[in-house]
């Protein structure tokens, strides 16, 4: 963990849109933490959050999403443009399969007309905040897909929310990247990634998984990350 991430709170705006103890999410909720970062990112950005609305119906750019039912915060921008922020707890209560663990929604959002799309995680607050601000400042619509670990449904101790989120990034199950006007960029990359087994082994929801299933997810993760890396490398050449 980088040193500055430990002190992220000291570098963020002090104003709170809600008190940490004032929400009704479960203790250690990744969604509550991510939402707090989102509000701080938009502080002093002339954002009328009072006009924002929540939508759990997968319509528009979410119609083919891998995360149906995930809450989406829709913030109006100039004209007909919107900033869409998806808080993804990975289909809590539904069967999780390898395909659902690899996030393709940003690519679909970009293909649907969003000029900016990205993944983000509360484990990397500066990366998350910068992407929210980019999504807000870009001229057109934007989409941010945030991983939100849930201690109760995923099966881990509530004090480990940030750790589990970081492990997802380190295992490349949830890579952090952005697509700006069609150009790919990996924003956080660990040259010595964790294994998928290490990541899912910390969560009770995967307790019944067999070695073959884990191996399949590892192979799929490696393949899809290689595709992402190639897309980003192509943009640099």
C-alpha atoms as a PDB file:
ATOM      1  CA  UNK A   1       0.000   0.000   0.000  1.00  0.00           C
ATOM      2  CA  UNK A   2       1.385   3.399  -0.957  1.00  0.00           C
ATOM      3  CA  UNK A   3       2.076   5.738   1.947  1.00  0.00           C
ATOM      4  CA  UNK A   4      -0.187   8.516   0.723  1.00  0.00           C
ATOM      5  CA  UNK A   5      -3.273   6.308   0.539  1.00  0.00           C
ATOM      6  CA  UNK A   6      -3.028   5.803   4.301  1.00  0.00           C
ATOM      7  CA  UNK A   7      -3.528   9.507   4.812  1.00  0.00           C
ATOM      8  CA  UNK A   8      -6.046  10.093   2.017  1.00  0.00           C
ATOM      9  CA  UNK A   9      -8.552  11.685   4.368  1.00  0.00           C
ATOM     10  CA  UNK A  10      -6.114  14.473   5.228  1.00  0.00           C
ATOM     11  CA  UNK A  11      -5.905  15.541   1.573  1.00  0.00           C
ATOM     12  CA  UNK A  12      -9.633  15.530   0.838  1.00  0.00           C
ATOM     13  CA  UNK A  13     -12.204  18.303   1.360  1.00  0.00           C
ATOM     14  CA  UNK A  14     -13.457  18.505   4.936  1.00  0.00           C
ATOM     15  CA  UNK A  15     -17.118  19.097   4.151  1.00  0.00           C
ATOM     16  CA  UNK A  16     -19.336  16.026   4.497  1.00  0.00           C
ATOM     17  CA  UNK A  17     -22.553  15.509   2.562  1.00  0.00           C
ATOM     18  CA  UNK A  18     -23.620  13.002   5.194  1.00  0.00           C
ATOM     19  CA  UNK A  19     -22.240  11.884   8.503  1.00  0.00           C
ATOM     20  CA  UNK A  20     -20.453   8.495   8.380  1.00  0.00           C
ATOM     21  CA  UNK A  21     -22.815   7.194  11.054  1.00  0.00           C
ATOM     22  CA  UNK A  22     -25.901   8.556   9.316  1.00  0.00           C
ATOM     23  CA  UNK A  23     -26.401   6.012   6.542  1.00  0.00           C
ATOM     24  CA  UNK A  24     -28.316   2.736   6.729  1.00  0.00           C
ATOM     25  CA  UNK A  25     -25.726   0.573   4.961  1.00  0.00           C
ATOM     26  CA  UNK A  26     -24.096  -2.329   6.772  1.00  0.00           C
ATOM     27  CA  UNK A  27     -20.964  -1.692   8.818  1.00  0.00           C
ATOM     28  CA  UNK A  28     -17.914  -1.580   6.576  1.00  0.00           C
ATOM     29  CA  UNK A  29     -20.022  -0.978   3.467  1.00  0.00           C
ATOM     30  CA  UNK A  30     -17.906  -0.356   0.381  1.00  0.00           C
ATOM     31  CA  UNK A  31     -20.811   1.514  -1.166  1.00  0.00           C
ATOM     32  CA  UNK A  32     -20.982   4.005   1.698  1.00  0.00           C
ATOM     33  CA  UNK A  33     -17.222   4.581   1.533  1.00  0.00           C
ATOM     34  CA  UNK A  34     -17.253   5.015  -2.245  1.00  0.00           C
ATOM     35  CA  UNK A  35     -20.190   7.421  -2.086  1.00  0.00           C
ATOM     36  CA  UNK A  36     -18.355   9.509   0.484  1.00  0.00           C
ATOM     37  CA  UNK A  37     -15.374   9.794  -1.895  1.00  0.00           C
ATOM     38  CA  UNK A  38     -17.692  10.713  -4.771  1.00  0.00           C
ATOM     39  CA  UNK A  39     -19.217  13.569  -2.800  1.00  0.00           C
ATOM     40  CA  UNK A  40     -15.797  14.847  -1.834  1.00  0.00           C
ATOM     41  CA  UNK A  41     -14.595  14.639  -5.436  1.00  0.00           C
ATOM     42  CA  UNK A  42     -17.447  16.858  -6.578  1.00  0.00           C
ATOM     43  CA  UNK A  43     -17.046  19.409  -3.796  1.00  0.00           C
ATOM     44  CA  UNK A  44     -16.609  22.926  -5.256  1.00  0.00           C
ATOM     45  CA  UNK A  45     -17.327  21.620  -8.785  1.00  0.00           C
ATOM     46  CA  UNK A  46     -20.579  23.566  -9.151  1.00  0.00           C
ATOM     47  CA  UNK A  47     -22.438  20.270  -9.008  1.00  0.00           C
ATOM     48  CA  UNK A  48     -26.103  20.385  -8.076  1.00  0.00           C
ATOM     49  CA  UNK A  49     -26.276  17.065  -6.240  1.00  0.00           C
ATOM     50  CA  UNK A  50     -29.813  17.912  -5.213  1.00  0.00           C
ATOM     51  CA  UNK A  51     -30.778  17.159  -8.830  1.00  0.00           C
ATOM     52  CA  UNK A  52     -29.072  13.759  -8.806  1.00  0.00           C
ATOM     53  CA  UNK A  53     -31.214  10.635  -8.749  1.00  0.00           C
ATOM     54  CA  UNK A  54     -30.737   6.942  -8.057  1.00  0.00           C
ATOM     55  CA  UNK A  55     -31.724   4.274 -10.549  1.00  0.00           C
ATOM     56  CA  UNK A  56     -31.557   0.504 -10.078  1.00  0.00           C
ATOM     57  CA  UNK A  57     -33.204  -0.304 -13.393  1.00  0.00           C
ATOM     58  CA  UNK A  58     -30.674  -1.371 -16.049  1.00  0.00           C
ATOM     59  CA  UNK A  59     -31.744   0.837 -18.968  1.00  0.00           C
ATOM     60  CA  UNK A  60     -29.812   2.716 -21.620  1.00  0.00           C
ATOM     61  CA  UNK A  61     -26.096   2.055 -21.305  1.00  0.00           C
ATOM     62  CA  UNK A  62     -26.846  -0.450 -18.536  1.00  0.00           C
ATOM     63  CA  UNK A  63     -29.219  -2.606 -20.567  1.00  0.00           C
ATOM     64  CA  UNK A  64     -26.518  -5.197 -21.238  1.00  0.00           C
ATOM     65  CA  UNK A  65     -24.600  -4.668 -18.018  1.00  0.00           C
ATOM     66  CA  UNK A  66     -23.096  -7.548 -16.073  1.00  0.00           C
ATOM     67  CA  UNK A  67     -24.407  -5.917 -12.902  1.00  0.00           C
ATOM     68  CA  UNK A  68     -28.215  -5.688 -13.152  1.00  0.00           C
ATOM     69  CA  UNK A  69     -29.734  -4.082 -10.091  1.00  0.00           C
ATOM     70  CA  UNK A  70     -26.559  -2.295  -9.010  1.00  0.00           C
ATOM     71  CA  UNK A  71     -27.487   1.212  -7.802  1.00  0.00           C
ATOM     72  CA  UNK A  72     -26.538   3.958 -10.234  1.00  0.00           C
ATOM     73  CA  UNK A  73     -26.238   7.611  -9.237  1.00  0.00           C
ATOM     74  CA  UNK A  74     -27.173   9.827 -12.179  1.00  0.00           C
ATOM     75  CA  UNK A  75     -25.955  13.415 -11.977  1.00  0.00           C
ATOM     76  CA  UNK A  76     -27.206  15.911 -14.610  1.00  0.00           C
ATOM     77  CA  UNK A  77     -24.625  17.846 -16.598  1.00  0.00           C
ATOM     78  CA  UNK A  78     -24.993  20.495 -19.290  1.00  0.00           C
ATOM     79  CA  UNK A  79     -27.654  19.788 -21.863  1.00  0.00           C
ATOM     80  CA  UNK A  80     -28.674  16.145 -22.059  1.00  0.00           C
ATOM     81  CA  UNK A  81     -25.359  14.867 -20.717  1.00  0.00           C
ATOM     82  CA  UNK A  82     -25.099  12.858 -17.506  1.00  0.00           C
ATOM     83  CA  UNK A  83     -22.492  11.514 -15.123  1.00  0.00           C
ATOM     84  CA  UNK A  84     -23.418   7.900 -14.343  1.00  0.00           C
ATOM     85  CA  UNK A  85     -21.789   6.304 -11.303  1.00  0.00           C
ATOM     86  CA  UNK A  86     -22.420   2.591 -10.714  1.00  0.00           C
ATOM     87  CA  UNK A  87     -21.823   1.226  -7.206  1.00  0.00           C
ATOM     88  CA  UNK A  88     -21.191  -2.457  -7.813  1.00  0.00           C
ATOM     89  CA  UNK A  89     -21.416  -4.991  -4.987  1.00  0.00           C
ATOM     90  CA  UNK A  90     -21.274  -7.789  -7.602  1.00  0.00           C
ATOM     91  CA  UNK A  91     -24.892  -8.894  -7.751  1.00  0.00           C
ATOM     92  CA  UNK A  92     -25.290  -9.471  -4.037  1.00  0.00           C
ATOM     93  CA  UNK A  93     -27.550 -12.418  -3.390  1.00  0.00           C
ATOM     94  CA  UNK A  94     -27.032 -13.911  -6.852  1.00  0.00           C
ATOM     95  CA  UNK A  95     -24.756 -16.689  -8.013  1.00  0.00           C
ATOM     96  CA  UNK A  96     -21.342 -15.347  -8.902  1.00  0.00           C
ATOM     97  CA  UNK A  97     -19.622 -16.828 -11.945  1.00  0.00           C
ATOM     98  CA  UNK A  98     -16.283 -15.873 -13.544  1.00  0.00           C
ATOM     99  CA  UNK A  99     -17.923 -13.803 -16.284  1.00  0.00           C
ATOM    100  CA  UNK A 100     -19.550 -11.561 -13.673  1.00  0.00           C
ATOM    101  CA  UNK A 101     -16.260 -10.857 -11.919  1.00  0.00           C
ATOM    102  CA  UNK A 102     -14.554  -9.277 -14.930  1.00  0.00           C
ATOM    103  CA  UNK A 103     -15.901  -5.794 -15.542  1.00  0.00           C
ATOM    104  CA  UNK A 104     -16.845  -4.965 -19.117  1.00  0.00           C
ATOM    105  CA  UNK A 105     -19.366  -2.205 -18.399  1.00  0.00           C
ATOM    106  CA  UNK A 106     -16.965   0.732 -19.076  1.00  0.00           C
ATOM    107  CA  UNK A 107     -16.286  -0.586 -22.577  1.00  0.00           C
ATOM    108  CA  UNK A 108     -20.017  -0.922 -23.183  1.00  0.00           C
ATOM    109  CA  UNK A 109     -20.626   2.591 -21.865  1.00  0.00           C
ATOM    110  CA  UNK A 110     -17.944   3.962 -24.191  1.00  0.00           C
ATOM    111  CA  UNK A 111     -19.479   2.087 -27.119  1.00  0.00           C
ATOM    112  CA  UNK A 112     -22.859   3.565 -26.168  1.00  0.00           C
ATOM    113  CA  UNK A 113     -21.596   7.127 -26.533  1.00  0.00           C
ATOM    114  CA  UNK A 114     -19.989   8.062 -23.209  1.00  0.00           C
ATOM    115  CA  UNK A 115     -16.901  10.159 -23.912  1.00  0.00           C
ATOM    116  CA  UNK A 116     -15.332   9.002 -20.661  1.00  0.00           C
ATOM    117  CA  UNK A 117     -15.686   5.665 -18.867  1.00  0.00           C
ATOM    118  CA  UNK A 118     -13.617   4.142 -16.094  1.00  0.00           C
ATOM    119  CA  UNK A 119     -13.395   1.679 -13.240  1.00  0.00           C
ATOM    120  CA  UNK A 120     -12.600   2.827  -9.715  1.00  0.00           C
ATOM    121  CA  UNK A 121     -12.228   1.439  -6.207  1.00  0.00           C
ATOM    122  CA  UNK A 122     -12.377   2.911  -2.694  1.00  0.00           C
ATOM    123  CA  UNK A 123      -9.041   1.163  -2.078  1.00  0.00           C
ATOM    124  CA  UNK A 124      -7.446   3.772  -4.385  1.00  0.00           C
ATOM    125  CA  UNK A 125      -9.165   7.016  -3.322  1.00  0.00           C
ATOM    126  CA  UNK A 126      -7.017   9.434  -5.317  1.00  0.00           C
ATOM    127  CA  UNK A 127      -7.560   7.434  -8.506  1.00  0.00           C
ATOM    128  CA  UNK A 128     -11.310   7.308  -7.769  1.00  0.00           C
ATOM    129  CA  UNK A 129     -11.572  11.034  -7.066  1.00  0.00           C
ATOM    130  CA  UNK A 130      -9.585  11.991 -10.161  1.00  0.00           C
ATOM    131  CA  UNK A 131     -11.833   9.844 -12.361  1.00  0.00           C
ATOM    132  CA  UNK A 132     -15.007  11.320 -10.879  1.00  0.00           C
ATOM    133  CA  UNK A 133     -13.665  14.799 -11.580  1.00  0.00           C
ATOM    134  CA  UNK A 134     -12.689  13.874 -15.128  1.00  0.00           C
ATOM    135  CA  UNK A 135     -16.111  12.391 -15.697  1.00  0.00           C
ATOM    136  CA  UNK A 136     -17.710  15.582 -14.477  1.00  0.00           C
ATOM    137  CA  UNK A 137     -15.477  17.957 -16.430  1.00  0.00           C
ATOM    138  CA  UNK A 138     -15.597  16.206 -19.811  1.00  0.00           C
ATOM    139  CA  UNK A 139     -18.007  17.772 -22.282  1.00  0.00           C
ATOM    140  CA  UNK A 140     -20.187  14.718 -22.864  1.00  0.00           C
ATOM    141  CA  UNK A 141     -21.694  11.975 -20.737  1.00  0.00           C
ATOM    142  CA  UNK A 142     -19.449   9.811 -18.554  1.00  0.00           C
ATOM    143  CA  UNK A 143     -19.665   6.509 -16.708  1.00  0.00           C
ATOM    144  CA  UNK A 144     -17.707   5.389 -13.621  1.00  0.00           C
ATOM    145  CA  UNK A 145     -17.949   1.786 -12.384  1.00  0.00           C
ATOM    146  CA  UNK A 146     -16.932   1.491  -8.707  1.00  0.00           C
ATOM    147  CA  UNK A 147     -16.234  -1.797  -6.923  1.00  0.00           C
ATOM    148  CA  UNK A 148     -18.041  -1.831  -3.558  1.00  0.00           C
ATOM    149  CA  UNK A 149     -17.175  -4.850  -1.382  1.00  0.00           C
ATOM    150  CA  UNK A 150     -19.925  -5.902   1.014  1.00  0.00           C
ATOM    151  CA  UNK A 151     -18.670  -7.560   4.246  1.00  0.00           C
ATOM    152  CA  UNK A 152     -21.997  -9.214   5.016  1.00  0.00           C
ATOM    153  CA  UNK A 153     -22.708 -10.713   1.586  1.00  0.00           C
ATOM    154  CA  UNK A 154     -19.122 -11.425   0.540  1.00  0.00           C
ATOM    155  CA  UNK A 155     -18.141 -12.910   3.871  1.00  0.00           C
ATOM    156  CA  UNK A 156     -15.225 -11.010   5.352  1.00  0.00           C
ATOM    157  CA  UNK A 157     -14.579  -8.882   8.443  1.00  0.00           C
ATOM    158  CA  UNK A 158     -15.980  -5.374   8.170  1.00  0.00           C
ATOM    159  CA  UNK A 159     -12.602  -3.779   8.921  1.00  0.00           C
ATOM    160  CA  UNK A 160     -11.171  -5.394   5.773  1.00  0.00           C
ATOM    161  CA  UNK A 161     -13.326  -3.638   3.163  1.00  0.00           C
ATOM    162  CA  UNK A 162     -10.500  -1.538   1.752  1.00  0.00           C
ATOM    163  CA  UNK A 163      -8.097  -4.494   1.885  1.00  0.00           C
ATOM    164  CA  UNK A 164     -10.446  -6.756  -0.074  1.00  0.00           C
ATOM    165  CA  UNK A 165     -11.050  -4.000  -2.635  1.00  0.00           C
ATOM    166  CA  UNK A 166      -7.306  -3.523  -3.043  1.00  0.00           C
ATOM    167  CA  UNK A 167      -6.765  -7.259  -3.418  1.00  0.00           C
ATOM    168  CA  UNK A 168      -9.296  -7.330  -6.261  1.00  0.00           C
ATOM    169  CA  UNK A 169      -7.196  -4.746  -8.069  1.00  0.00           C
ATOM    170  CA  UNK A 170      -3.924  -6.493  -7.260  1.00  0.00           C
ATOM    171  CA  UNK A 171      -5.284  -9.818  -8.536  1.00  0.00           C
ATOM    172  CA  UNK A 172      -6.423  -8.050 -11.730  1.00  0.00           C
ATOM    173  CA  UNK A 173      -9.954  -9.298 -11.202  1.00  0.00           C
ATOM    174  CA  UNK A 174     -11.003  -5.653 -11.036  1.00  0.00           C
ATOM    175  CA  UNK A 175      -8.427  -3.693 -13.062  1.00  0.00           C
ATOM    176  CA  UNK A 176      -8.397   0.090 -12.790  1.00  0.00           C
ATOM    177  CA  UNK A 177      -8.487   1.766 -16.172  1.00  0.00           C
ATOM    178  CA  UNK A 178     -10.160   4.515 -18.155  1.00  0.00           C
ATOM    179  CA  UNK A 179     -11.428   5.044 -21.682  1.00  0.00           C
ATOM    180  CA  UNK A 180     -11.220   8.678 -22.745  1.00  0.00           C
ATOM    181  CA  UNK A 181     -12.762   9.378 -26.150  1.00  0.00           C
ATOM    182  CA  UNK A 182     -12.019   5.792 -27.188  1.00  0.00           C
ATOM    183  CA  UNK A 183      -8.444   5.683 -25.842  1.00  0.00           C
ATOM    184  CA  UNK A 184      -7.571   3.113 -23.165  1.00  0.00           C
ATOM    185  CA  UNK A 185      -5.300   3.805 -20.219  1.00  0.00           C
ATOM    186  CA  UNK A 186      -4.515   1.520 -17.262  1.00  0.00           C
ATOM    187  CA  UNK A 187      -4.308   3.860 -14.286  1.00  0.00           C
ATOM    188  CA  UNK A 188      -3.046   1.412 -11.625  1.00  0.00           C
ATOM    189  CA  UNK A 189      -0.852  -1.555 -12.497  1.00  0.00           C
ATOM    190  CA  UNK A 190       0.971  -4.000 -10.235  1.00  0.00           C
ATOM    191  CA  UNK A 191       3.778  -5.808 -12.033  1.00  0.00           C
ATOM    192  CA  UNK A 192       3.650  -8.600  -9.439  1.00  0.00           C
ATOM    193  CA  UNK A 193      -0.081  -9.372  -9.241  1.00  0.00           C
ATOM    194  CA  UNK A 194      -1.734 -11.499  -6.597  1.00  0.00           C
ATOM    195  CA  UNK A 195      -3.249 -14.800  -7.584  1.00  0.00           C
ATOM    196  CA  UNK A 196      -6.987 -15.085  -7.943  1.00  0.00           C
ATOM    197  CA  UNK A 197      -6.895 -17.855  -5.312  1.00  0.00           C
ATOM    198  CA  UNK A 198      -5.394 -15.432  -2.794  1.00  0.00           C
ATOM    199  CA  UNK A 199      -8.130 -12.891  -3.462  1.00  0.00           C
ATOM    200  CA  UNK A 200     -11.172 -15.173  -3.326  1.00  0.00           C
ATOM    201  CA  UNK A 201      -9.701 -17.205  -0.468  1.00  0.00           C
ATOM    202  CA  UNK A 202     -10.390 -14.281   1.871  1.00  0.00           C
ATOM    203  CA  UNK A 203     -14.154 -14.360   1.220  1.00  0.00           C
ATOM    204  CA  UNK A 204     -16.708 -16.848   2.508  1.00  0.00           C
ATOM    205  CA  UNK A 205     -18.856 -16.514  -0.625  1.00  0.00           C
ATOM    206  CA  UNK A 206     -16.288 -18.606  -2.505  1.00  0.00           C
ATOM    207  CA  UNK A 207     -15.950 -21.310   0.146  1.00  0.00           C
ATOM    208  CA  UNK A 208     -17.562 -23.948  -2.087  1.00  0.00           C
ATOM    209  CA  UNK A 209     -15.402 -23.233  -5.118  1.00  0.00           C
ATOM    210  CA  UNK A 210     -13.309 -26.105  -6.443  1.00  0.00           C
ATOM    211  CA  UNK A 211      -9.750 -25.871  -7.760  1.00  0.00           C
ATOM    212  CA  UNK A 212     -11.010 -26.192 -11.317  1.00  0.00           C
ATOM    213  CA  UNK A 213     -13.304 -23.190 -10.916  1.00  0.00           C
ATOM    214  CA  UNK A 214     -10.510 -21.097  -9.443  1.00  0.00           C
ATOM    215  CA  UNK A 215      -8.178 -22.126 -12.255  1.00  0.00           C
ATOM    216  CA  UNK A 216     -10.819 -21.138 -14.809  1.00  0.00           C
ATOM    217  CA  UNK A 217     -11.202 -17.712 -13.234  1.00  0.00           C
ATOM    218  CA  UNK A 218      -7.416 -17.266 -13.159  1.00  0.00           C
ATOM    219  CA  UNK A 219      -7.130 -18.127 -16.842  1.00  0.00           C
ATOM    220  CA  UNK A 220      -9.984 -15.825 -17.751  1.00  0.00           C
ATOM    221  CA  UNK A 221      -8.562 -13.005 -15.647  1.00  0.00           C
ATOM    222  CA  UNK A 222      -5.145 -13.355 -17.304  1.00  0.00           C
ATOM    223  CA  UNK A 223      -6.667 -13.424 -20.775  1.00  0.00           C
ATOM    224  CA  UNK A 224      -8.921 -10.418 -20.306  1.00  0.00           C
ATOM    225  CA  UNK A 225      -6.216  -8.408 -18.579  1.00  0.00           C
ATOM    226  CA  UNK A 226      -3.863  -9.154 -21.489  1.00  0.00           C
ATOM    227  CA  UNK A 227      -6.518  -7.821 -23.860  1.00  0.00           C
ATOM    228  CA  UNK A 228      -6.889  -4.683 -21.750  1.00  0.00           C
ATOM    229  CA  UNK A 229      -3.114  -4.239 -21.596  1.00  0.00           C
ATOM    230  CA  UNK A 230      -2.832  -4.637 -25.361  1.00  0.00           C
ATOM    231  CA  UNK A 231      -5.553  -2.041 -25.921  1.00  0.00           C
ATOM    232  CA  UNK A 232      -3.734   0.423 -23.681  1.00  0.00           C
ATOM    233  CA  UNK A 233      -0.343  -0.355 -25.237  1.00  0.00           C
ATOM    234  CA  UNK A 234      -1.786   0.141 -28.707  1.00  0.00           C
ATOM    235  CA  UNK A 235      -2.859   3.658 -27.746  1.00  0.00           C
ATOM    236  CA  UNK A 236       0.703   4.491 -26.650  1.00  0.00           C
ATOM    237  CA  UNK A 237       2.244   3.427 -29.992  1.00  0.00           C
END
